[in-house]
Amino acid sequence: MEYDTEVDIDRKQCRRVVPMKVLALGCGRTGTKSLKRALQILGYEDTYHMANCSGKYPRDCEMWIEALEAKYDGKGTFGLEQWDQLLGHCMVGRSDPQSHKQFIVLTTNSRP
């Protein structure tokens, strides 16, 4: 397994610390993990892949659930501040495009 140790991070206490440079969106089972590794080789230190949730950062699932509930069930809101909390440590976001659609719109409309 790629992740040896789980890390208990409460992302709600986090903020963006590096700029988001790349959104590498693709459907599962289409080489996204290989792309993650290639981007790391190119110098993008921490790239986010949904495997992060089931491996190294299981508490991230809490915020992903909130994002999906806001999007699909109309429960609460999940805006740019929450995306920055969840993905603020990454220069590359990689995941299912449906999960990131709101993030892309917010990022495109809110950032220079």
PDB file of N, CA and C in Angstrom:
ATOM      1  N   MET A   1       0.835  -1.180   0.000  1.00  0.00           N
ATOM      2  CA  MET A   1       0.000   0.000   0.000  1.00  0.00           C
ATOM      3  C   MET A   1       0.878   1.240   0.000  1.00  0.00           C
ATOM      4  N   GLU A   2       0.424   2.274  -0.704  1.00  0.00           N
ATOM      5  CA  GLU A   2       1.205   3.497  -0.849  1.00  0.00           C
ATOM      6  C   GLU A   2       1.355   4.235   0.475  1.00  0.00           C
ATOM      7  N   TYR A   3       0.344   4.168   1.325  1.00  0.00           N
ATOM      8  CA  TYR A   3       0.358   4.915   2.577  1.00  0.00           C
ATOM      9  C   TYR A   3       0.631   3.968   3.729  1.00  0.00           C
ATOM     10  N   ASP A   4       1.691   4.237   4.468  1.00  0.00           N
ATOM     11  CA  ASP A   4       2.056   3.375   5.575  1.00  0.00           C
ATOM     12  C   ASP A   4       1.318   3.740   6.854  1.00  0.00           C
ATOM     13  N   THR A   5       1.079   5.001   7.058  1.00  0.00           N
ATOM     14  CA  THR A   5       0.515   5.464   8.311  1.00  0.00           C
ATOM     15  C   THR A   5      -0.624   6.438   8.044  1.00  0.00           C
ATOM     16  N   GLU A   6      -1.721   6.255   8.777  1.00  0.00           N
ATOM     17  CA  GLU A   6      -2.812   7.215   8.682  1.00  0.00           C
ATOM     18  C   GLU A   6      -2.405   8.495   9.402  1.00  0.00           C
ATOM     19  N   VAL A   7      -2.869   9.603   8.892  1.00  0.00           N
ATOM     20  CA  VAL A   7      -2.596  10.895   9.495  1.00  0.00           C
ATOM     21  C   VAL A   7      -3.935  11.493   9.910  1.00  0.00           C
ATOM     22  N   ASP A   8      -4.051  11.853  11.181  1.00  0.00           N
ATOM     23  CA  ASP A   8      -5.300  12.390  11.717  1.00  0.00           C
ATOM     24  C   ASP A   8      -5.268  13.912  11.638  1.00  0.00           C
ATOM     25  N   ILE A   9      -5.765  14.451  10.525  1.00  0.00           N
ATOM     26  CA  ILE A   9      -5.783  15.899  10.321  1.00  0.00           C
ATOM     27  C   ILE A   9      -7.230  16.354  10.220  1.00  0.00           C
ATOM     28  N   ASP A  10      -7.567  17.347  11.019  1.00  0.00           N
ATOM     29  CA  ASP A  10      -8.882  17.966  10.923  1.00  0.00           C
ATOM     30  C   ASP A  10      -8.765  19.097   9.916  1.00  0.00           C
ATOM     31  N   ARG A  11      -9.181  18.847   8.687  1.00  0.00           N
ATOM     32  CA  ARG A  11      -9.028  19.821   7.605  1.00  0.00           C
ATOM     33  C   ARG A  11      -9.805  21.114   7.868  1.00  0.00           C
ATOM     34  N   LYS A  12     -10.805  21.067   8.730  1.00  0.00           N
ATOM     35  CA  LYS A  12     -11.566  22.288   9.016  1.00  0.00           C
ATOM     36  C   LYS A  12     -10.701  23.330   9.721  1.00  0.00           C
ATOM     37  N   GLN A  13      -9.573  22.913  10.241  1.00  0.00           N
ATOM     38  CA  GLN A  13      -8.634  23.835  10.885  1.00  0.00           C
ATOM     39  C   GLN A  13      -7.560  24.311   9.905  1.00  0.00           C
ATOM     40  N   CYS A  14      -7.605  23.830   8.683  1.00  0.00           N
ATOM     41  CA  CYS A  14      -6.581  24.136   7.685  1.00  0.00           C
ATOM     42  C   CYS A  14      -6.996  25.292   6.791  1.00  0.00           C
ATOM     43  N   ARG A  15      -6.017  25.852   6.111  1.00  0.00           N
ATOM     44  CA  ARG A  15      -6.227  26.911   5.136  1.00  0.00           C
ATOM     45  C   ARG A  15      -5.328  26.629   3.934  1.00  0.00           C
ATOM     46  N   ARG A  16      -5.558  27.337   2.840  1.00  0.00           N
ATOM     47  CA  ARG A  16      -4.707  27.163   1.663  1.00  0.00           C
ATOM     48  C   ARG A  16      -3.311  27.670   1.988  1.00  0.00           C
ATOM     49  N   VAL A  17      -2.305  26.839   1.741  1.00  0.00           N
ATOM     50  CA  VAL A  17      -0.917  27.211   2.000  1.00  0.00           C
ATOM     51  C   VAL A  17      -0.076  27.205   0.725  1.00  0.00           C
ATOM     52  N   VAL A  18      -0.579  26.603  -0.339  1.00  0.00           N
ATOM     53  CA  VAL A  18       0.083  26.622  -1.648  1.00  0.00           C
ATOM     54  C   VAL A  18      -0.987  26.883  -2.704  1.00  0.00           C
ATOM     55  N   PRO A  19      -0.608  27.512  -3.809  1.00  0.00           N
ATOM     56  CA  PRO A  19      -1.608  27.770  -4.848  1.00  0.00           C
ATOM     57  C   PRO A  19      -2.008  26.484  -5.571  1.00  0.00           C
ATOM     58  N   MET A  20      -3.269  26.393  -5.946  1.00  0.00           N
ATOM     59  CA  MET A  20      -3.723  25.275  -6.779  1.00  0.00           C
ATOM     60  C   MET A  20      -3.258  25.575  -8.194  1.00  0.00           C
ATOM     61  N   LYS A  21      -2.416  24.718  -8.732  1.00  0.00           N
ATOM     62  CA  LYS A  21      -1.830  24.941 -10.054  1.00  0.00           C
ATOM     63  C   LYS A  21      -2.485  24.089 -11.133  1.00  0.00           C
ATOM     64  N   VAL A  22      -2.884  22.863 -10.768  1.00  0.00           N
ATOM     65  CA  VAL A  22      -3.375  21.915 -11.764  1.00  0.00           C
ATOM     66  C   VAL A  22      -4.619  21.212 -11.244  1.00  0.00           C
ATOM     67  N   LEU A  23      -5.640  21.129 -12.083  1.00  0.00           N
ATOM     68  CA  LEU A  23      -6.781  20.259 -11.820  1.00  0.00           C
ATOM     69  C   LEU A  23      -6.723  19.164 -12.867  1.00  0.00           C
ATOM     70  N   ALA A  24      -6.361  17.976 -12.458  1.00  0.00           N
ATOM     71  CA  ALA A  24      -6.240  16.839 -13.363  1.00  0.00           C
ATOM     72  C   ALA A  24      -7.461  15.958 -13.151  1.00  0.00           C
ATOM     73  N   LEU A  25      -8.519  16.255 -13.873  1.00  0.00           N
ATOM     74  CA  LEU A  25      -9.786  15.584 -13.643  1.00  0.00           C
ATOM     75  C   LEU A  25      -9.978  14.454 -14.639  1.00  0.00           C
ATOM     76  N   GLY A  26     -10.341  13.324 -14.120  1.00  0.00           N
ATOM     77  CA  GLY A  26     -10.601  12.171 -14.965  1.00  0.00           C
ATOM     78  C   GLY A  26     -11.412  11.161 -14.198  1.00  0.00           C
ATOM     79  N   CYS A  27     -12.034  10.285 -14.911  1.00  0.00           N
ATOM     80  CA  CYS A  27     -12.829   9.236 -14.272  1.00  0.00           C
ATOM     81  C   CYS A  27     -11.902   8.184 -13.681  1.00  0.00           C
ATOM     82  N   GLY A  28     -12.403   7.510 -12.657  1.00  0.00           N
ATOM     83  CA  GLY A  28     -11.627   6.442 -12.033  1.00  0.00           C
ATOM     84  C   GLY A  28     -11.246   5.356 -13.020  1.00  0.00           C
ATOM     85  N   ARG A  29     -10.127   4.727 -12.755  1.00  0.00           N
ATOM     86  CA  ARG A  29      -9.616   3.620 -13.562  1.00  0.00           C
ATOM     87  C   ARG A  29      -9.167   4.072 -14.954  1.00  0.00           C
ATOM     88  N   THR A  30      -8.706   5.329 -15.061  1.00  0.00           N
ATOM     89  CA  THR A  30      -8.224   5.832 -16.355  1.00  0.00           C
ATOM     90  C   THR A  30      -6.783   6.339 -16.254  1.00  0.00           C
ATOM     91  N   GLY A  31      -6.028   5.809 -15.316  1.00  0.00           N
ATOM     92  CA  GLY A  31      -4.624   6.198 -15.181  1.00  0.00           C
ATOM     93  C   GLY A  31      -4.380   7.383 -14.277  1.00  0.00           C
ATOM     94  N   THR A  32      -5.348   7.718 -13.447  1.00  0.00           N
ATOM     95  CA  THR A  32      -5.197   8.905 -12.612  1.00  0.00           C
ATOM     96  C   THR A  32      -4.123   8.728 -11.544  1.00  0.00           C
ATOM     97  N   LYS A  33      -3.938   7.531 -11.046  1.00  0.00           N
ATOM     98  CA  LYS A  33      -2.890   7.323 -10.042  1.00  0.00           C
ATOM     99  C   LYS A  33      -1.506   7.440 -10.690  1.00  0.00           C
ATOM    100  N   SER A  34      -1.378   6.966 -11.919  1.00  0.00           N
ATOM    101  CA  SER A  34      -0.122   7.132 -12.656  1.00  0.00           C
ATOM    102  C   SER A  34       0.140   8.604 -12.927  1.00  0.00           C
ATOM    103  N   LEU A  35      -0.912   9.348 -13.264  1.00  0.00           N
ATOM    104  CA  LEU A  35      -0.772  10.783 -13.478  1.00  0.00           C
ATOM    105  C   LEU A  35      -0.326  11.474 -12.198  1.00  0.00           C
ATOM    106  N   LYS A  36      -0.890  11.042 -11.080  1.00  0.00           N
ATOM    107  CA  LYS A  36      -0.485  11.597  -9.780  1.00  0.00           C
ATOM    108  C   LYS A  36       1.020  11.415  -9.585  1.00  0.00           C
ATOM    109  N   ARG A  37       1.509  10.232  -9.849  1.00  0.00           N
ATOM    110  CA  ARG A  37       2.938   9.948  -9.677  1.00  0.00           C
ATOM    111  C   ARG A  37       3.780  10.781 -10.650  1.00  0.00           C
ATOM    112  N   ALA A  38       3.331  10.912 -11.890  1.00  0.00           N
ATOM    113  CA  ALA A  38       4.068  11.708 -12.880  1.00  0.00           C
ATOM    114  C   ALA A  38       4.155  13.164 -12.440  1.00  0.00           C
ATOM    115  N   LEU A  39       3.056  13.697 -11.927  1.00  0.00           N
ATOM    116  CA  LEU A  39       3.066  15.084 -11.459  1.00  0.00           C
ATOM    117  C   LEU A  39       4.000  15.258 -10.262  1.00  0.00           C
ATOM    118  N   GLN A  40       4.089  14.252  -9.410  1.00  0.00           N
ATOM    119  CA  GLN A  40       5.029  14.318  -8.286  1.00  0.00           C
ATOM    120  C   GLN A  40       6.463  14.348  -8.799  1.00  0.00           C
ATOM    121  N   ILE A  41       6.752  13.555  -9.811  1.00  0.00           N
ATOM    122  CA  ILE A  41       8.087  13.541 -10.405  1.00  0.00           C
ATOM    123  C   ILE A  41       8.424  14.918 -10.981  1.00  0.00           C
ATOM    124  N   LEU A  42       7.408  15.613 -11.518  1.00  0.00           N
ATOM    125  CA  LEU A  42       7.611  16.945 -12.092  1.00  0.00           C
ATOM    126  C   LEU A  42       7.731  18.038 -11.039  1.00  0.00           C
ATOM    127  N   GLY A  43       7.576  17.663  -9.757  1.00  0.00           N
ATOM    128  CA  GLY A  43       7.804  18.631  -8.697  1.00  0.00           C
ATOM    129  C   GLY A  43       6.570  19.114  -7.957  1.00  0.00           C
ATOM    130  N   TYR A  44       5.417  18.592  -8.312  1.00  0.00           N
ATOM    131  CA  TYR A  44       4.204  18.942  -7.577  1.00  0.00           C
ATOM    132  C   TYR A  44       4.146  18.044  -6.342  1.00  0.00           C
ATOM    133  N   GLU A  45       4.586  18.610  -5.218  1.00  0.00           N
ATOM    134  CA  GLU A  45       4.803  17.854  -3.988  1.00  0.00           C
ATOM    135  C   GLU A  45       3.610  17.017  -3.545  1.00  0.00           C
ATOM    136  N   ASP A  46       2.505  17.665  -3.276  1.00  0.00           N
ATOM    137  CA  ASP A  46       1.354  16.944  -2.745  1.00  0.00           C
ATOM    138  C   ASP A  46       0.211  17.043  -3.736  1.00  0.00           C
ATOM    139  N   THR A  47      -0.064  15.949  -4.397  1.00  0.00           N
ATOM    140  CA  THR A  47      -1.177  15.898  -5.331  1.00  0.00           C
ATOM    141  C   THR A  47      -2.299  15.120  -4.662  1.00  0.00           C
ATOM    142  N   TYR A  48      -3.510  15.620  -4.787  1.00  0.00           N
ATOM    143  CA  TYR A  48      -4.639  14.989  -4.106  1.00  0.00           C
ATOM    144  C   TYR A  48      -5.321  13.999  -5.033  1.00  0.00           C
ATOM    145  N   HIS A  49      -5.482  12.795  -4.556  1.00  0.00           N
ATOM    146  CA  HIS A  49      -6.162  11.713  -5.268  1.00  0.00           C
ATOM    147  C   HIS A  49      -7.176  11.141  -4.292  1.00  0.00           C
ATOM    148  N   MET A  50      -8.295  10.683  -4.761  1.00  0.00           N
ATOM    149  CA  MET A  50      -9.313  10.161  -3.846  1.00  0.00           C
ATOM    150  C   MET A  50      -8.790   8.994  -3.006  1.00  0.00           C
ATOM    151  N   ALA A  51      -7.732   8.360  -3.451  1.00  0.00           N
ATOM    152  CA  ALA A  51      -7.119   7.303  -2.631  1.00  0.00           C
ATOM    153  C   ALA A  51      -6.603   7.866  -1.308  1.00  0.00           C
ATOM    154  N   ASN A  52      -6.357   9.177  -1.266  1.00  0.00           N
ATOM    155  CA  ASN A  52      -5.931   9.806  -0.015  1.00  0.00           C
ATOM    156  C   ASN A  52      -6.940   9.540   1.096  1.00  0.00           C
ATOM    157  N   CYS A  53      -8.223   9.570   0.745  1.00  0.00           N
ATOM    158  CA  CYS A  53      -9.281   9.374   1.755  1.00  0.00           C
ATOM    159  C   CYS A  53      -9.237   7.976   2.356  1.00  0.00           C
ATOM    160  N   SER A  54      -9.050   6.991   1.514  1.00  0.00           N
ATOM    161  CA  SER A  54      -9.089   5.620   2.009  1.00  0.00           C
ATOM    162  C   SER A  54      -7.737   5.161   2.530  1.00  0.00           C
ATOM    163  N   GLY A  55      -6.738   5.986   2.372  1.00  0.00           N
ATOM    164  CA  GLY A  55      -5.409   5.605   2.814  1.00  0.00           C
ATOM    165  C   GLY A  55      -4.869   6.493   3.901  1.00  0.00           C
ATOM    166  N   LYS A  56      -4.122   7.481   3.494  1.00  0.00           N
ATOM    167  CA  LYS A  56      -3.376   8.297   4.442  1.00  0.00           C
ATOM    168  C   LYS A  56      -4.239   9.256   5.255  1.00  0.00           C
ATOM    169  N   TYR A  57      -5.275   9.822   4.650  1.00  0.00           N
ATOM    170  CA  TYR A  57      -6.074  10.853   5.314  1.00  0.00           C
ATOM    171  C   TYR A  57      -7.546  10.451   5.428  1.00  0.00           C
ATOM    172  N   PRO A  58      -7.882   9.467   6.230  1.00  0.00           N
ATOM    173  CA  PRO A  58      -9.275   9.009   6.292  1.00  0.00           C
ATOM    174  C   PRO A  58     -10.253  10.073   6.783  1.00  0.00           C
ATOM    175  N   ARG A  59      -9.793  11.031   7.575  1.00  0.00           N
ATOM    176  CA  ARG A  59     -10.710  12.073   8.064  1.00  0.00           C
ATOM    177  C   ARG A  59     -11.146  13.027   6.965  1.00  0.00           C
ATOM    178  N   ASP A  60     -10.453  13.022   5.829  1.00  0.00           N
ATOM    179  CA  ASP A  60     -10.882  13.844   4.703  1.00  0.00           C
ATOM    180  C   ASP A  60     -12.276  13.450   4.243  1.00  0.00           C
ATOM    181  N   CYS A  61     -12.631  12.187   4.465  1.00  0.00           N
ATOM    182  CA  CYS A  61     -13.966  11.709   4.076  1.00  0.00           C
ATOM    183  C   CYS A  61     -15.060  12.552   4.716  1.00  0.00           C
ATOM    184  N   GLU A  62     -14.822  13.055   5.908  1.00  0.00           N
ATOM    185  CA  GLU A  62     -15.830  13.880   6.584  1.00  0.00           C
ATOM    186  C   GLU A  62     -16.181  15.094   5.723  1.00  0.00           C
ATOM    187  N   MET A  63     -15.162  15.752   5.178  1.00  0.00           N
ATOM    188  CA  MET A  63     -15.429  16.942   4.370  1.00  0.00           C
ATOM    189  C   MET A  63     -15.964  16.582   2.983  1.00  0.00           C
ATOM    190  N   TRP A  64     -15.525  15.455   2.422  1.00  0.00           N
ATOM    191  CA  TRP A  64     -16.069  15.028   1.138  1.00  0.00           C
ATOM    192  C   TRP A  64     -17.562  14.728   1.274  1.00  0.00           C
ATOM    193  N   ILE A  65     -17.938  14.127   2.388  1.00  0.00           N
ATOM    194  CA  ILE A  65     -19.357  13.848   2.619  1.00  0.00           C
ATOM    195  C   ILE A  65     -20.129  15.164   2.702  1.00  0.00           C
ATOM    196  N   GLU A  66     -19.584  16.141   3.422  1.00  0.00           N
ATOM    197  CA  GLU A  66     -20.235  17.451   3.504  1.00  0.00           C
ATOM    198  C   GLU A  66     -20.363  18.096   2.123  1.00  0.00           C
ATOM    199  N   ALA A  67     -19.330  17.991   1.296  1.00  0.00           N
ATOM    200  CA  ALA A  67     -19.369  18.570  -0.051  1.00  0.00           C
ATOM    201  C   ALA A  67     -20.453  17.906  -0.892  1.00  0.00           C
ATOM    202  N   LEU A  68     -20.518  16.600  -0.831  1.00  0.00           N
ATOM    203  CA  LEU A  68     -21.511  15.871  -1.622  1.00  0.00           C
ATOM    204  C   LEU A  68     -22.923  16.104  -1.107  1.00  0.00           C
ATOM    205  N   GLU A  69     -23.084  16.188   0.211  1.00  0.00           N
ATOM    206  CA  GLU A  69     -24.413  16.472   0.775  1.00  0.00           C
ATOM    207  C   GLU A  69     -24.869  17.879   0.386  1.00  0.00           C
ATOM    208  N   ALA A  70     -23.961  18.840   0.372  1.00  0.00           N
ATOM    209  CA  ALA A  70     -24.320  20.201  -0.026  1.00  0.00           C
ATOM    210  C   ALA A  70     -24.727  20.229  -1.497  1.00  0.00           C
ATOM    211  N   LYS A  71     -23.977  19.498  -2.308  1.00  0.00           N
ATOM    212  CA  LYS A  71     -24.246  19.512  -3.747  1.00  0.00           C
ATOM    213  C   LYS A  71     -25.519  18.753  -4.110  1.00  0.00           C
ATOM    214  N   TYR A  72     -25.668  17.549  -3.592  1.00  0.00           N
ATOM    215  CA  TYR A  72     -26.750  16.678  -4.042  1.00  0.00           C
ATOM    216  C   TYR A  72     -27.992  16.707  -3.160  1.00  0.00           C
ATOM    217  N   ASP A  73     -27.835  17.000  -1.877  1.00  0.00           N
ATOM    218  CA  ASP A  73     -28.977  16.976  -0.961  1.00  0.00           C
ATOM    219  C   ASP A  73     -29.394  18.362  -0.497  1.00  0.00           C
ATOM    220  N   GLY A  74     -28.639  19.385  -0.900  1.00  0.00           N
ATOM    221  CA  GLY A  74     -28.961  20.743  -0.480  1.00  0.00           C
ATOM    222  C   GLY A  74     -28.765  20.967   1.011  1.00  0.00           C
ATOM    223  N   LYS A  75     -27.925  20.148   1.618  1.00  0.00           N
ATOM    224  CA  LYS A  75     -27.673  20.229   3.059  1.00  0.00           C
ATOM    225  C   LYS A  75     -26.447  21.102   3.316  1.00  0.00           C
ATOM    226  N   GLY A  76     -26.664  22.311   3.804  1.00  0.00           N
ATOM    227  CA  GLY A  76     -25.555  23.219   4.082  1.00  0.00           C
ATOM    228  C   GLY A  76     -24.950  23.773   2.810  1.00  0.00           C
ATOM    229  N   THR A  77     -23.796  24.381   2.976  1.00  0.00           N
ATOM    230  CA  THR A  77     -23.057  24.925   1.838  1.00  0.00           C
ATOM    231  C   THR A  77     -21.627  24.423   1.883  1.00  0.00           C
ATOM    232  N   PHE A  78     -21.002  24.401   0.741  1.00  0.00           N
ATOM    233  CA  PHE A  78     -19.605  23.996   0.645  1.00  0.00           C
ATOM    234  C   PHE A  78     -18.995  24.880  -0.428  1.00  0.00           C
ATOM    235  N   GLY A  79     -18.339  25.950   0.002  1.00  0.00           N
ATOM    236  CA  GLY A  79     -17.808  26.940  -0.929  1.00  0.00           C
ATOM    237  C   GLY A  79     -16.295  26.943  -0.997  1.00  0.00           C
ATOM    238  N   LEU A  80     -15.769  28.015  -1.526  1.00  0.00           N
ATOM    239  CA  LEU A  80     -14.327  28.135  -1.731  1.00  0.00           C
ATOM    240  C   LEU A  80     -13.539  27.975  -0.431  1.00  0.00           C
ATOM    241  N   GLU A  81     -14.047  28.528   0.658  1.00  0.00           N
ATOM    242  CA  GLU A  81     -13.339  28.402   1.934  1.00  0.00           C
ATOM    243  C   GLU A  81     -13.189  26.933   2.339  1.00  0.00           C
ATOM    244  N   GLN A  82     -14.246  26.153   2.174  1.00  0.00           N
ATOM    245  CA  GLN A  82     -14.187  24.736   2.535  1.00  0.00           C
ATOM    246  C   GLN A  82     -13.282  23.950   1.576  1.00  0.00           C
ATOM    247  N   TRP A  83     -13.328  24.294   0.273  1.00  0.00           N
ATOM    248  CA  TRP A  83     -12.427  23.623  -0.666  1.00  0.00           C
ATOM    249  C   TRP A  83     -10.976  23.920  -0.298  1.00  0.00           C
ATOM    250  N   ASP A  84     -10.700  25.172   0.084  1.00  0.00           N
ATOM    251  CA  ASP A  84      -9.328  25.515   0.490  1.00  0.00           C
ATOM    252  C   ASP A  84      -8.917  24.780   1.760  1.00  0.00           C
ATOM    253  N   GLN A  85      -9.853  24.557   2.670  1.00  0.00           N
ATOM    254  CA  GLN A  85      -9.537  23.778   3.869  1.00  0.00           C
ATOM    255  C   GLN A  85      -9.180  22.346   3.488  1.00  0.00           C
ATOM    256  N   LEU A  86      -9.970  21.761   2.601  1.00  0.00           N
ATOM    257  CA  LEU A  86      -9.782  20.360   2.227  1.00  0.00           C
ATOM    258  C   LEU A  86      -8.560  20.158   1.344  1.00  0.00           C
ATOM    259  N   LEU A  87      -8.347  21.050   0.390  1.00  0.00           N
ATOM    260  CA  LEU A  87      -7.302  20.841  -0.616  1.00  0.00           C
ATOM    261  C   LEU A  87      -6.195  21.892  -0.571  1.00  0.00           C
ATOM    262  N   GLY A  88      -6.164  22.698   0.484  1.00  0.00           N
ATOM    263  CA  GLY A  88      -5.227  23.816   0.564  1.00  0.00           C
ATOM    264  C   GLY A  88      -3.762  23.444   0.663  1.00  0.00           C
ATOM    265  N   HIS A  89      -3.470  22.211   0.947  1.00  0.00           N
ATOM    266  CA  HIS A  89      -2.085  21.753   1.041  1.00  0.00           C
ATOM    267  C   HIS A  89      -1.572  21.206  -0.293  1.00  0.00           C
ATOM    268  N   CYS A  90      -2.437  21.205  -1.307  1.00  0.00           N
ATOM    269  CA  CYS A  90      -2.099  20.580  -2.589  1.00  0.00           C
ATOM    270  C   CYS A  90      -2.009  21.591  -3.717  1.00  0.00           C
ATOM    271  N   MET A  91      -1.053  21.368  -4.605  1.00  0.00           N
ATOM    272  CA  MET A  91      -0.945  22.163  -5.820  1.00  0.00           C
ATOM    273  C   MET A  91      -1.710  21.508  -6.964  1.00  0.00           C
ATOM    274  N   VAL A  92      -2.058  20.235  -6.785  1.00  0.00           N
ATOM    275  CA  VAL A  92      -2.779  19.486  -7.810  1.00  0.00           C
ATOM    276  C   VAL A  92      -3.975  18.801  -7.168  1.00  0.00           C
ATOM    277  N   GLY A  93      -5.132  19.003  -7.765  1.00  0.00           N
ATOM    278  CA  GLY A  93      -6.326  18.289  -7.345  1.00  0.00           C
ATOM    279  C   GLY A  93      -6.675  17.261  -8.397  1.00  0.00           C
ATOM    280  N   ARG A  94      -6.909  16.035  -7.967  1.00  0.00           N
ATOM    281  CA  ARG A  94      -7.206  14.954  -8.904  1.00  0.00           C
ATOM    282  C   ARG A  94      -8.351  14.154  -8.317  1.00  0.00           C
ATOM    283  N   SER A  95      -9.422  14.092  -9.037  1.00  0.00           N
ATOM    284  CA  SER A  95     -10.543  13.320  -8.538  1.00  0.00           C
ATOM    285  C   SER A  95     -11.599  13.229  -9.605  1.00  0.00           C
ATOM    286  N   ASP A  96     -12.695  12.608  -9.235  1.00  0.00           N
ATOM    287  CA  ASP A  96     -13.835  12.515 -10.132  1.00  0.00           C
ATOM    288  C   ASP A  96     -14.311  13.913 -10.480  1.00  0.00           C
ATOM    289  N   PRO A  97     -14.503  14.211 -11.757  1.00  0.00           N
ATOM    290  CA  PRO A  97     -14.867  15.571 -12.140  1.00  0.00           C
ATOM    291  C   PRO A  97     -16.189  16.048 -11.543  1.00  0.00           C
ATOM    292  N   GLN A  98     -17.109  15.180 -11.279  1.00  0.00           N
ATOM    293  CA  GLN A  98     -18.370  15.607 -10.688  1.00  0.00           C
ATOM    294  C   GLN A  98     -18.161  16.142  -9.282  1.00  0.00           C
ATOM    295  N   SER A  99     -17.241  15.579  -8.556  1.00  0.00           N
ATOM    296  CA  SER A  99     -16.964  16.062  -7.202  1.00  0.00           C
ATOM    297  C   SER A  99     -16.359  17.451  -7.234  1.00  0.00           C
ATOM    298  N   HIS A 100     -15.558  17.725  -8.246  1.00  0.00           N
ATOM    299  CA  HIS A 100     -14.828  18.990  -8.313  1.00  0.00           C
ATOM    300  C   HIS A 100     -15.534  20.078  -9.102  1.00  0.00           C
ATOM    301  N   LYS A 101     -16.671  19.784  -9.717  1.00  0.00           N
ATOM    302  CA  LYS A 101     -17.322  20.777 -10.580  1.00  0.00           C
ATOM    303  C   LYS A 101     -17.550  22.088  -9.834  1.00  0.00           C
ATOM    304  N   GLN A 102     -18.075  22.024  -8.627  1.00  0.00           N
ATOM    305  CA  GLN A 102     -18.325  23.236  -7.854  1.00  0.00           C
ATOM    306  C   GLN A 102     -17.010  23.952  -7.558  1.00  0.00           C
ATOM    307  N   PHE A 103     -15.966  23.202  -7.240  1.00  0.00           N
ATOM    308  CA  PHE A 103     -14.660  23.796  -6.950  1.00  0.00           C
ATOM    309  C   PHE A 103     -14.119  24.525  -8.169  1.00  0.00           C
ATOM    310  N   ILE A 104     -14.257  23.927  -9.359  1.00  0.00           N
ATOM    311  CA  ILE A 104     -13.754  24.543 -10.579  1.00  0.00           C
ATOM    312  C   ILE A 104     -14.470  25.869 -10.824  1.00  0.00           C
ATOM    313  N   VAL A 105     -15.774  25.868 -10.690  1.00  0.00           N
ATOM    314  CA  VAL A 105     -16.548  27.084 -10.902  1.00  0.00           C
ATOM    315  C   VAL A 105     -16.135  28.161  -9.905  1.00  0.00           C
ATOM    316  N   LEU A 106     -16.041  27.795  -8.638  1.00  0.00           N
ATOM    317  CA  LEU A 106     -15.647  28.762  -7.608  1.00  0.00           C
ATOM    318  C   LEU A 106     -14.238  29.289  -7.858  1.00  0.00           C
ATOM    319  N   THR A 107     -13.328  28.405  -8.202  1.00  0.00           N
ATOM    320  CA  THR A 107     -11.950  28.801  -8.431  1.00  0.00           C
ATOM    321  C   THR A 107     -11.850  29.712  -9.652  1.00  0.00           C
ATOM    322  N   THR A 108     -12.517  29.354 -10.713  1.00  0.00           N
ATOM    323  CA  THR A 108     -12.466  30.134 -11.944  1.00  0.00           C
ATOM    324  C   THR A 108     -13.063  31.517 -11.728  1.00  0.00           C
ATOM    325  N   ASN A 109     -14.129  31.596 -10.985  1.00  0.00           N
ATOM    326  CA  ASN A 109     -14.813  32.872 -10.777  1.00  0.00           C
ATOM    327  C   ASN A 109     -14.214  33.716  -9.662  1.00  0.00           C
ATOM    328  N   SER A 110     -13.411  33.124  -8.787  1.00  0.00           N
ATOM    329  CA  SER A 110     -12.970  33.830  -7.584  1.00  0.00           C
ATOM    330  C   SER A 110     -11.483  34.141  -7.544  1.00  0.00           C
ATOM    331  N   ARG A 111     -10.721  33.584  -8.440  1.00  0.00           N
ATOM    332  CA  ARG A 111      -9.271  33.753  -8.374  1.00  0.00           C
ATOM    333  C   ARG A 111      -8.756  34.475  -9.618  1.00  0.00           C
ATOM    334  N   PRO A 112      -7.688  35.261  -9.452  1.00  0.00           N
ATOM    335  CA  PRO A 112      -7.102  35.950 -10.620  1.00  0.00           C
ATOM    336  C   PRO A 112      -6.450  34.977 -11.578  1.00  0.00           C
TER     337      PRO A 112
END
